[in-house]
């Protein structure tokens, strides 16, 4: 099995989305996620979590990261097509139709 890192992108930060959500909307959102997790089953290695504000670190220093990546998960599948199937009907799209998901295969490090 291969591992895949999934990054959830949204125009609004996870912090502000959670702060603006009503308890009812939050419960509805969590139900969508738990339903997806049940469908994905063993394909989920780590459900992950929402992410707070970030920083960009480079040779020229540290700066604020723009809103974008709002959370992550780690999945496993035989190949990218299998991982993509796990994302069908994902709640991220139901909760934020303008959102996107980036998925990357985790590569083995040679010699490790």
C-alpha atoms as a PDB file:
ATOM      1  CA  UNK A   1       0.000   0.000   0.000  1.00  0.00           C
ATOM      2  CA  UNK A   2       1.105   3.526  -0.750  1.00  0.00           C
ATOM      3  CA  UNK A   3       0.522   6.516   1.505  1.00  0.00           C
ATOM      4  CA  UNK A   4      -1.015   9.786   0.330  1.00  0.00           C
ATOM      5  CA  UNK A   5      -0.976  13.170   2.045  1.00  0.00           C
ATOM      6  CA  UNK A   6      -4.197  15.090   1.503  1.00  0.00           C
ATOM      7  CA  UNK A   7      -4.262  18.871   1.955  1.00  0.00           C
ATOM      8  CA  UNK A   8      -7.621  20.585   2.220  1.00  0.00           C
ATOM      9  CA  UNK A   9      -7.681  24.095   0.736  1.00  0.00           C
ATOM     10  CA  UNK A  10     -10.351  26.690   1.350  1.00  0.00           C
ATOM     11  CA  UNK A  11     -10.726  30.425   0.837  1.00  0.00           C
ATOM     12  CA  UNK A  12     -11.527  30.863   4.536  1.00  0.00           C
ATOM     13  CA  UNK A  13      -9.225  29.733   7.344  1.00  0.00           C
ATOM     14  CA  UNK A  14     -10.344  26.778   9.457  1.00  0.00           C
ATOM     15  CA  UNK A  15     -10.123  28.988  12.546  1.00  0.00           C
ATOM     16  CA  UNK A  16     -12.528  31.600  11.213  1.00  0.00           C
ATOM     17  CA  UNK A  17     -14.876  28.983   9.729  1.00  0.00           C
ATOM     18  CA  UNK A  18     -15.108  27.213  13.099  1.00  0.00           C
ATOM     19  CA  UNK A  19     -15.535  30.516  14.975  1.00  0.00           C
ATOM     20  CA  UNK A  20     -18.416  31.560  12.692  1.00  0.00           C
ATOM     21  CA  UNK A  21     -20.160  28.171  12.778  1.00  0.00           C
ATOM     22  CA  UNK A  22     -23.217  27.543  14.922  1.00  0.00           C
ATOM     23  CA  UNK A  23     -23.217  24.448  17.158  1.00  0.00           C
ATOM     24  CA  UNK A  24     -25.824  22.899  14.857  1.00  0.00           C
ATOM     25  CA  UNK A  25     -23.767  23.543  11.726  1.00  0.00           C
ATOM     26  CA  UNK A  26     -20.640  22.198  13.453  1.00  0.00           C
ATOM     27  CA  UNK A  27     -22.489  19.005  14.433  1.00  0.00           C
ATOM     28  CA  UNK A  28     -23.796  18.616  10.875  1.00  0.00           C
ATOM     29  CA  UNK A  29     -20.282  19.108   9.503  1.00  0.00           C
ATOM     30  CA  UNK A  30     -18.832  16.523  11.885  1.00  0.00           C
ATOM     31  CA  UNK A  31     -21.514  14.038  10.826  1.00  0.00           C
ATOM     32  CA  UNK A  32     -20.475  14.517   7.175  1.00  0.00           C
ATOM     33  CA  UNK A  33     -16.854  13.819   8.143  1.00  0.00           C
ATOM     34  CA  UNK A  34     -17.649  10.745  10.256  1.00  0.00           C
ATOM     35  CA  UNK A  35     -19.862   9.368   7.473  1.00  0.00           C
ATOM     36  CA  UNK A  36     -17.006   9.849   4.968  1.00  0.00           C
ATOM     37  CA  UNK A  37     -14.517   8.264   7.377  1.00  0.00           C
ATOM     38  CA  UNK A  38     -16.799   5.232   7.731  1.00  0.00           C
ATOM     39  CA  UNK A  39     -16.995   4.870   3.931  1.00  0.00           C
ATOM     40  CA  UNK A  40     -13.220   5.286   3.514  1.00  0.00           C
ATOM     41  CA  UNK A  41     -12.577   2.749   6.300  1.00  0.00           C
ATOM     42  CA  UNK A  42      -9.061   1.305   6.291  1.00  0.00           C
ATOM     43  CA  UNK A  43      -8.096   3.785   3.584  1.00  0.00           C
ATOM     44  CA  UNK A  44      -7.634   6.373   6.331  1.00  0.00           C
ATOM     45  CA  UNK A  45      -4.307   6.168   8.152  1.00  0.00           C
ATOM     46  CA  UNK A  46      -4.787   9.482   9.944  1.00  0.00           C
ATOM     47  CA  UNK A  47      -8.022  11.447   9.752  1.00  0.00           C
ATOM     48  CA  UNK A  48      -5.985  14.573  10.499  1.00  0.00           C
ATOM     49  CA  UNK A  49      -7.349  17.848  11.755  1.00  0.00           C
ATOM     50  CA  UNK A  50      -8.015  21.462  10.857  1.00  0.00           C
ATOM     51  CA  UNK A  51      -4.909  23.651  10.737  1.00  0.00           C
ATOM     52  CA  UNK A  52      -4.395  27.069  12.300  1.00  0.00           C
ATOM     53  CA  UNK A  53      -2.382  30.003  11.010  1.00  0.00           C
ATOM     54  CA  UNK A  54       0.973  29.116   9.476  1.00  0.00           C
ATOM     55  CA  UNK A  55       4.331  30.607   8.662  1.00  0.00           C
ATOM     56  CA  UNK A  56       6.528  30.448   5.580  1.00  0.00           C
ATOM     57  CA  UNK A  57      10.171  29.811   6.409  1.00  0.00           C
ATOM     58  CA  UNK A  58      12.843  30.582   3.822  1.00  0.00           C
ATOM     59  CA  UNK A  59      16.413  31.765   3.464  1.00  0.00           C
ATOM     60  CA  UNK A  60      15.208  35.348   3.641  1.00  0.00           C
ATOM     61  CA  UNK A  61      13.328  34.864   6.918  1.00  0.00           C
ATOM     62  CA  UNK A  62       9.864  34.052   8.196  1.00  0.00           C
ATOM     63  CA  UNK A  63       6.585  35.467   6.911  1.00  0.00           C
ATOM     64  CA  UNK A  64       2.892  34.852   7.381  1.00  0.00           C
ATOM     65  CA  UNK A  65       1.380  32.059   5.300  1.00  0.00           C
ATOM     66  CA  UNK A  66      -1.679  33.069   3.326  1.00  0.00           C
ATOM     67  CA  UNK A  67      -4.978  31.362   4.060  1.00  0.00           C
ATOM     68  CA  UNK A  68      -5.226  28.269   1.954  1.00  0.00           C
ATOM     69  CA  UNK A  69      -4.394  24.969   3.574  1.00  0.00           C
ATOM     70  CA  UNK A  70      -7.099  24.433   6.156  1.00  0.00           C
ATOM     71  CA  UNK A  71      -6.455  20.824   7.163  1.00  0.00           C
ATOM     72  CA  UNK A  72      -4.910  17.490   6.258  1.00  0.00           C
ATOM     73  CA  UNK A  73      -5.426  13.728   6.244  1.00  0.00           C
ATOM     74  CA  UNK A  74      -3.213  10.752   5.445  1.00  0.00           C
ATOM     75  CA  UNK A  75      -4.700   7.985   3.299  1.00  0.00           C
ATOM     76  CA  UNK A  76      -3.500   4.647   1.984  1.00  0.00           C
ATOM     77  CA  UNK A  77      -4.353   2.947  -1.274  1.00  0.00           C
ATOM     78  CA  UNK A  78      -2.786   0.738  -3.943  1.00  0.00           C
ATOM     79  CA  UNK A  79      -2.255   3.724  -6.245  1.00  0.00           C
ATOM     80  CA  UNK A  80      -3.328   7.309  -6.922  1.00  0.00           C
ATOM     81  CA  UNK A  81      -6.555   6.161  -8.594  1.00  0.00           C
ATOM     82  CA  UNK A  82      -7.479   4.229  -5.464  1.00  0.00           C
ATOM     83  CA  UNK A  83      -6.709   7.247  -3.293  1.00  0.00           C
ATOM     84  CA  UNK A  84      -8.822   9.471  -5.536  1.00  0.00           C
ATOM     85  CA  UNK A  85     -11.749   7.061  -5.170  1.00  0.00           C
ATOM     86  CA  UNK A  86     -11.536   7.515  -1.396  1.00  0.00           C
ATOM     87  CA  UNK A  87     -12.110  11.248  -1.918  1.00  0.00           C
ATOM     88  CA  UNK A  88     -15.320  10.836  -3.947  1.00  0.00           C
ATOM     89  CA  UNK A  89     -18.204  12.563  -2.165  1.00  0.00           C
ATOM     90  CA  UNK A  90     -15.789  14.118   0.340  1.00  0.00           C
ATOM     91  CA  UNK A  91     -17.430  16.488   2.865  1.00  0.00           C
ATOM     92  CA  UNK A  92     -14.866  19.225   2.179  1.00  0.00           C
ATOM     93  CA  UNK A  93     -16.691  19.933  -1.087  1.00  0.00           C
ATOM     94  CA  UNK A  94     -20.117  19.815   0.558  1.00  0.00           C
ATOM     95  CA  UNK A  95     -19.085  22.261   3.261  1.00  0.00           C
ATOM     96  CA  UNK A  96     -17.191  24.647   0.963  1.00  0.00           C
ATOM     97  CA  UNK A  97     -18.075  24.159  -2.728  1.00  0.00           C
ATOM     98  CA  UNK A  98     -15.313  26.568  -3.815  1.00  0.00           C
ATOM     99  CA  UNK A  99     -12.699  24.530  -1.925  1.00  0.00           C
ATOM    100  CA  UNK A 100     -10.148  22.129  -3.376  1.00  0.00           C
ATOM    101  CA  UNK A 101      -8.141  19.123  -2.269  1.00  0.00           C
ATOM    102  CA  UNK A 102      -4.500  18.503  -3.120  1.00  0.00           C
ATOM    103  CA  UNK A 103      -3.268  14.924  -2.863  1.00  0.00           C
ATOM    104  CA  UNK A 104       0.357  13.811  -2.981  1.00  0.00           C
ATOM    105  CA  UNK A 105       1.886  10.351  -2.908  1.00  0.00           C
ATOM    106  CA  UNK A 106       4.348   9.950  -0.071  1.00  0.00           C
ATOM    107  CA  UNK A 107       7.552   8.634  -1.637  1.00  0.00           C
ATOM    108  CA  UNK A 108      10.021   6.336   0.069  1.00  0.00           C
ATOM    109  CA  UNK A 109      13.398   7.827   0.860  1.00  0.00           C
ATOM    110  CA  UNK A 110      16.108   5.761  -0.841  1.00  0.00           C
ATOM    111  CA  UNK A 111      18.306   3.955   1.652  1.00  0.00           C
ATOM    112  CA  UNK A 112      15.998   4.546   4.619  1.00  0.00           C
END
